[in-house]
Amino acid sequence: MADRTRTGRRRRHGGPDDGMAVVETVVLTPILIAVLLAAVMAGRFESARLHVDTAASNSARAASLARSPAAAEAAASAEAHRSLADAGVACPSPHVTVDTARFRPGGVVKVSVTCHADVGDLAGMGFLPLNTAISKTSVAPVDLYRQVATSGGSR
């Protein structure tokens, strides 16, 4: 409703910017939501990266405690699956590579874990197939005074 001034003339409320707040809100809200979803997605990628890094480290340690190269490979694979499952990482089939070429007392064992992280389910947006491979490698020493079984028997 318009107010009347002392002279009896009508005074207009607002001006040429009337209703612009609504337009700005309608335009900026989707942009702000997209920025928020991008931040959440970046956080999920970083979290998955850290969990894969931890799985690789745990797997290398488990492999270094084994008595034979075959047991090292089995221990590393089992530990990678267990570590990722315990962390709640959505990685149905991680790829575990164990390098036992220097598996001897005083040597090292190298484990690489690759996981395909899927964040397409972010905020119910299943139409975005966001899938990336995260790969981490870790090396653990084999104890110098440990007896290690070789393919020809034990030493």
C-alpha atoms as a PDB file:
ATOM      1  CA  MET A   1       0.000   0.000   0.000  1.00  0.00           C
ATOM      2  CA  ALA A   2       1.343   3.443  -0.883  1.00  0.00           C
ATOM      3  CA  ASP A   3       1.799   6.078   1.787  1.00  0.00           C
ATOM      4  CA  ARG A   4       0.754   9.672   1.311  1.00  0.00           C
ATOM      5  CA  THR A   5       3.217  12.458   1.934  1.00  0.00           C
ATOM      6  CA  ARG A   6       2.382  15.793   3.596  1.00  0.00           C
ATOM      7  CA  THR A   7       1.567  17.308   0.215  1.00  0.00           C
ATOM      8  CA  GLY A   8      -0.958  14.576  -0.501  1.00  0.00           C
ATOM      9  CA  ARG A   9       1.093  12.955  -3.208  1.00  0.00           C
ATOM     10  CA  ARG A  10       1.626   9.208  -3.259  1.00  0.00           C
ATOM     11  CA  ARG A  11       5.036   7.880  -2.391  1.00  0.00           C
ATOM     12  CA  ARG A  12       6.237   4.701  -4.087  1.00  0.00           C
ATOM     13  CA  HIS A  13       7.713   1.922  -1.994  1.00  0.00           C
ATOM     14  CA  GLY A  14      10.826   0.329  -3.409  1.00  0.00           C
ATOM     15  CA  GLY A  15      12.368   1.261  -6.654  1.00  0.00           C
ATOM     16  CA  PRO A  16      13.866  -0.293  -9.752  1.00  0.00           C
ATOM     17  CA  ASP A  17      15.403  -3.040  -7.570  1.00  0.00           C
ATOM     18  CA  ASP A  18      12.082  -4.342  -6.280  1.00  0.00           C
ATOM     19  CA  GLY A  19      12.042  -8.159  -6.320  1.00  0.00           C
ATOM     20  CA  MET A  20      15.756  -8.529  -7.091  1.00  0.00           C
ATOM     21  CA  ALA A  21      16.437 -10.350  -3.814  1.00  0.00           C
ATOM     22  CA  VAL A  22      14.195 -13.183  -4.963  1.00  0.00           C
ATOM     23  CA  VAL A  23      15.959 -13.388  -8.324  1.00  0.00           C
ATOM     24  CA  GLU A  24      19.376 -13.364  -6.653  1.00  0.00           C
ATOM     25  CA  THR A  25      18.306 -16.132  -4.291  1.00  0.00           C
ATOM     26  CA  VAL A  26      16.946 -18.247  -7.125  1.00  0.00           C
ATOM     27  CA  VAL A  27      20.171 -17.817  -9.111  1.00  0.00           C
ATOM     28  CA  LEU A  28      22.650 -18.236  -6.244  1.00  0.00           C
ATOM     29  CA  THR A  29      21.062 -21.185  -4.420  1.00  0.00           C
ATOM     30  CA  PRO A  30      21.919 -23.823  -7.069  1.00  0.00           C
ATOM     31  CA  ILE A  31      25.457 -22.432  -7.334  1.00  0.00           C
ATOM     32  CA  LEU A  32      25.938 -22.635  -3.564  1.00  0.00           C
ATOM     33  CA  ILE A  33      24.561 -26.188  -3.506  1.00  0.00           C
ATOM     34  CA  ALA A  34      26.966 -27.196  -6.296  1.00  0.00           C
ATOM     35  CA  VAL A  35      29.917 -25.705  -4.379  1.00  0.00           C
ATOM     36  CA  LEU A  36      28.834 -27.563  -1.243  1.00  0.00           C
ATOM     37  CA  LEU A  37      28.540 -30.875  -3.142  1.00  0.00           C
ATOM     38  CA  ALA A  38      31.976 -30.319  -4.712  1.00  0.00           C
ATOM     39  CA  ALA A  39      33.467 -29.797  -1.246  1.00  0.00           C
ATOM     40  CA  VAL A  40      31.819 -32.973   0.052  1.00  0.00           C
ATOM     41  CA  MET A  41      33.036 -34.901  -2.996  1.00  0.00           C
ATOM     42  CA  ALA A  42      36.597 -33.634  -2.490  1.00  0.00           C
ATOM     43  CA  GLY A  43      36.396 -34.733   1.132  1.00  0.00           C
ATOM     44  CA  ARG A  44      35.207 -38.190   0.149  1.00  0.00           C
ATOM     45  CA  PHE A  45      38.034 -38.565  -2.384  1.00  0.00           C
ATOM     46  CA  GLU A  46      40.595 -37.529   0.235  1.00  0.00           C
ATOM     47  CA  SER A  47      39.097 -39.892   2.784  1.00  0.00           C
ATOM     48  CA  ALA A  48      39.212 -42.781   0.305  1.00  0.00           C
ATOM     49  CA  ARG A  49      42.813 -41.891  -0.572  1.00  0.00           C
ATOM     50  CA  LEU A  50      43.814 -41.988   3.092  1.00  0.00           C
ATOM     51  CA  HIS A  51      42.052 -45.332   3.635  1.00  0.00           C
ATOM     52  CA  VAL A  52      43.774 -46.871   0.604  1.00  0.00           C
ATOM     53  CA  ASP A  53      47.110 -45.545   1.876  1.00  0.00           C
ATOM     54  CA  THR A  54      46.449 -47.141   5.277  1.00  0.00           C
ATOM     55  CA  ALA A  55      45.432 -50.417   3.627  1.00  0.00           C
ATOM     56  CA  ALA A  56      48.664 -50.475   1.604  1.00  0.00           C
ATOM     57  CA  SER A  57      50.728 -49.809   4.723  1.00  0.00           C
ATOM     58  CA  ASN A  58      48.923 -52.473   6.758  1.00  0.00           C
ATOM     59  CA  SER A  59      49.236 -54.957   3.893  1.00  0.00           C
ATOM     60  CA  ALA A  60      52.977 -54.374   3.539  1.00  0.00           C
ATOM     61  CA  ARG A  61      53.439 -54.886   7.267  1.00  0.00           C
ATOM     62  CA  ALA A  62      51.388 -58.111   7.202  1.00  0.00           C
ATOM     63  CA  ALA A  63      53.397 -59.359   4.219  1.00  0.00           C
ATOM     64  CA  SER A  64      56.698 -58.605   5.950  1.00  0.00           C
ATOM     65  CA  LEU A  65      55.669 -60.803   8.879  1.00  0.00           C
ATOM     66  CA  ALA A  66      54.980 -63.834   6.665  1.00  0.00           C
ATOM     67  CA  ARG A  67      57.428 -66.738   6.429  1.00  0.00           C
ATOM     68  CA  SER A  68      57.347 -67.267   2.662  1.00  0.00           C
ATOM     69  CA  PRO A  69      56.668 -65.222  -0.476  1.00  0.00           C
ATOM     70  CA  ALA A  70      53.409 -67.103  -1.113  1.00  0.00           C
ATOM     71  CA  ALA A  71      52.258 -66.502   2.456  1.00  0.00           C
ATOM     72  CA  ALA A  72      53.265 -62.835   2.105  1.00  0.00           C
ATOM     73  CA  GLU A  73      51.039 -62.432  -0.949  1.00  0.00           C
ATOM     74  CA  ALA A  74      48.106 -64.113   0.781  1.00  0.00           C
ATOM     75  CA  ALA A  75      48.572 -62.068   3.974  1.00  0.00           C
ATOM     76  CA  ALA A  76      48.840 -58.784   2.049  1.00  0.00           C
ATOM     77  CA  SER A  77      45.708 -59.448   0.023  1.00  0.00           C
ATOM     78  CA  ALA A  78      43.691 -60.511   3.071  1.00  0.00           C
ATOM     79  CA  GLU A  79      44.858 -57.477   5.057  1.00  0.00           C
ATOM     80  CA  ALA A  80      44.019 -55.060   2.227  1.00  0.00           C
ATOM     81  CA  HIS A  81      40.490 -56.431   1.942  1.00  0.00           C
ATOM     82  CA  ARG A  82      40.010 -56.396   5.727  1.00  0.00           C
ATOM     83  CA  SER A  83      41.426 -52.894   6.157  1.00  0.00           C
ATOM     84  CA  LEU A  84      39.254 -51.380   3.411  1.00  0.00           C
ATOM     85  CA  ALA A  85      36.151 -53.202   4.649  1.00  0.00           C
ATOM     86  CA  ASP A  86      36.740 -52.052   8.239  1.00  0.00           C
ATOM     87  CA  ALA A  87      37.145 -48.453   7.044  1.00  0.00           C
ATOM     88  CA  GLY A  88      33.856 -48.622   5.137  1.00  0.00           C
ATOM     89  CA  VAL A  89      35.442 -47.783   1.795  1.00  0.00           C
ATOM     90  CA  ALA A  90      33.166 -48.647  -1.132  1.00  0.00           C
ATOM     91  CA  CYS A  91      35.762 -50.698  -2.976  1.00  0.00           C
ATOM     92  CA  PRO A  92      34.232 -54.041  -3.924  1.00  0.00           C
ATOM     93  CA  SER A  93      37.348 -55.532  -5.501  1.00  0.00           C
ATOM     94  CA  PRO A  94      40.642 -53.874  -4.626  1.00  0.00           C
ATOM     95  CA  HIS A  95      43.617 -54.904  -6.733  1.00  0.00           C
ATOM     96  CA  VAL A  96      46.586 -55.905  -4.556  1.00  0.00           C
ATOM     97  CA  THR A  97      50.059 -56.344  -6.080  1.00  0.00           C
ATOM     98  CA  VAL A  98      52.821 -57.794  -3.904  1.00  0.00           C
ATOM     99  CA  ASP A  99      56.479 -57.559  -4.949  1.00  0.00           C
ATOM    100  CA  THR A 100      58.436 -60.272  -3.141  1.00  0.00           C
ATOM    101  CA  ALA A 101      61.576 -60.072  -5.302  1.00  0.00           C
ATOM    102  CA  ARG A 102      63.602 -58.931  -2.272  1.00  0.00           C
ATOM    103  CA  PHE A 103      61.743 -61.050   0.292  1.00  0.00           C
ATOM    104  CA  ARG A 104      64.643 -62.210   2.453  1.00  0.00           C
ATOM    105  CA  PRO A 105      66.036 -61.292   5.892  1.00  0.00           C
ATOM    106  CA  GLY A 106      67.041 -57.652   5.682  1.00  0.00           C
ATOM    107  CA  GLY A 107      65.128 -57.200   2.407  1.00  0.00           C
ATOM    108  CA  VAL A 108      61.815 -55.506   1.773  1.00  0.00           C
ATOM    109  CA  VAL A 109      58.361 -56.364   0.557  1.00  0.00           C
ATOM    110  CA  LYS A 110      56.452 -53.857  -1.580  1.00  0.00           C
ATOM    111  CA  VAL A 111      52.653 -53.800  -1.750  1.00  0.00           C
ATOM    112  CA  SER A 112      50.473 -51.717  -4.091  1.00  0.00           C
ATOM    113  CA  VAL A 113      46.734 -51.386  -3.488  1.00  0.00           C
ATOM    114  CA  THR A 114      44.436 -49.971  -6.174  1.00  0.00           C
ATOM    115  CA  CYS A 115      40.830 -49.143  -5.427  1.00  0.00           C
ATOM    116  CA  HIS A 116      38.138 -47.667  -7.675  1.00  0.00           C
ATOM    117  CA  ALA A 117      36.280 -45.075  -5.597  1.00  0.00           C
ATOM    118  CA  ASP A 118      32.721 -44.382  -6.695  1.00  0.00           C
ATOM    119  CA  VAL A 119      31.101 -41.126  -5.578  1.00  0.00           C
ATOM    120  CA  GLY A 120      28.256 -41.100  -8.108  1.00  0.00           C
ATOM    121  CA  ASP A 121      25.821 -41.670  -5.256  1.00  0.00           C
ATOM    122  CA  LEU A 122      26.672 -38.268  -3.779  1.00  0.00           C
ATOM    123  CA  ALA A 123      23.477 -36.486  -2.717  1.00  0.00           C
ATOM    124  CA  GLY A 124      21.312 -38.893  -4.673  1.00  0.00           C
ATOM    125  CA  MET A 125      22.820 -37.851  -7.986  1.00  0.00           C
ATOM    126  CA  GLY A 126      23.198 -41.363  -9.381  1.00  0.00           C
ATOM    127  CA  PHE A 127      23.273 -39.972 -12.908  1.00  0.00           C
ATOM    128  CA  LEU A 128      26.882 -38.773 -12.418  1.00  0.00           C
ATOM    129  CA  PRO A 129      29.216 -41.739 -12.940  1.00  0.00           C
ATOM    130  CA  LEU A 130      32.129 -40.402 -10.915  1.00  0.00           C
ATOM    131  CA  ASN A 131      34.640 -43.224 -10.592  1.00  0.00           C
ATOM    132  CA  THR A 132      38.366 -42.833 -10.096  1.00  0.00           C
ATOM    133  CA  ALA A 133      41.229 -45.216  -9.406  1.00  0.00           C
ATOM    134  CA  ILE A 134      43.193 -44.565  -6.238  1.00  0.00           C
ATOM    135  CA  SER A 135      46.515 -46.378  -6.029  1.00  0.00           C
ATOM    136  CA  LYS A 136      48.965 -46.386  -3.126  1.00  0.00           C
ATOM    137  CA  THR A 137      52.215 -48.272  -2.577  1.00  0.00           C
ATOM    138  CA  SER A 138      53.943 -49.103   0.664  1.00  0.00           C
ATOM    139  CA  VAL A 139      57.223 -50.838   1.489  1.00  0.00           C
ATOM    140  CA  ALA A 140      57.989 -52.706   4.706  1.00  0.00           C
ATOM    141  CA  PRO A 141      61.290 -54.236   5.788  1.00  0.00           C
ATOM    142  CA  VAL A 142      61.655 -57.933   6.470  1.00  0.00           C
ATOM    143  CA  ASP A 143      63.301 -58.436   9.866  1.00  0.00           C
ATOM    144  CA  LEU A 144      67.034 -59.083   9.532  1.00  0.00           C
ATOM    145  CA  TYR A 145      66.954 -61.955  12.056  1.00  0.00           C
ATOM    146  CA  ARG A 146      63.787 -63.591  10.779  1.00  0.00           C
ATOM    147  CA  GLN A 147      63.864 -67.039   9.250  1.00  0.00           C
ATOM    148  CA  VAL A 148      62.276 -66.896   5.839  1.00  0.00           C
ATOM    149  CA  ALA A 149      61.255 -69.952   3.870  1.00  0.00           C
ATOM    150  CA  THR A 150      62.404 -69.806   0.249  1.00  0.00           C
ATOM    151  CA  SER A 151      61.007 -71.815  -2.591  1.00  0.00           C
ATOM    152  CA  GLY A 152      63.653 -74.520  -1.950  1.00  0.00           C
ATOM    153  CA  GLY A 153      62.986 -74.780   1.776  1.00  0.00           C
ATOM    154  CA  SER A 154      63.897 -72.734   4.831  1.00  0.00           C
ATOM    155  CA  ARG A 155      67.120 -70.929   5.635  1.00  0.00           C
END
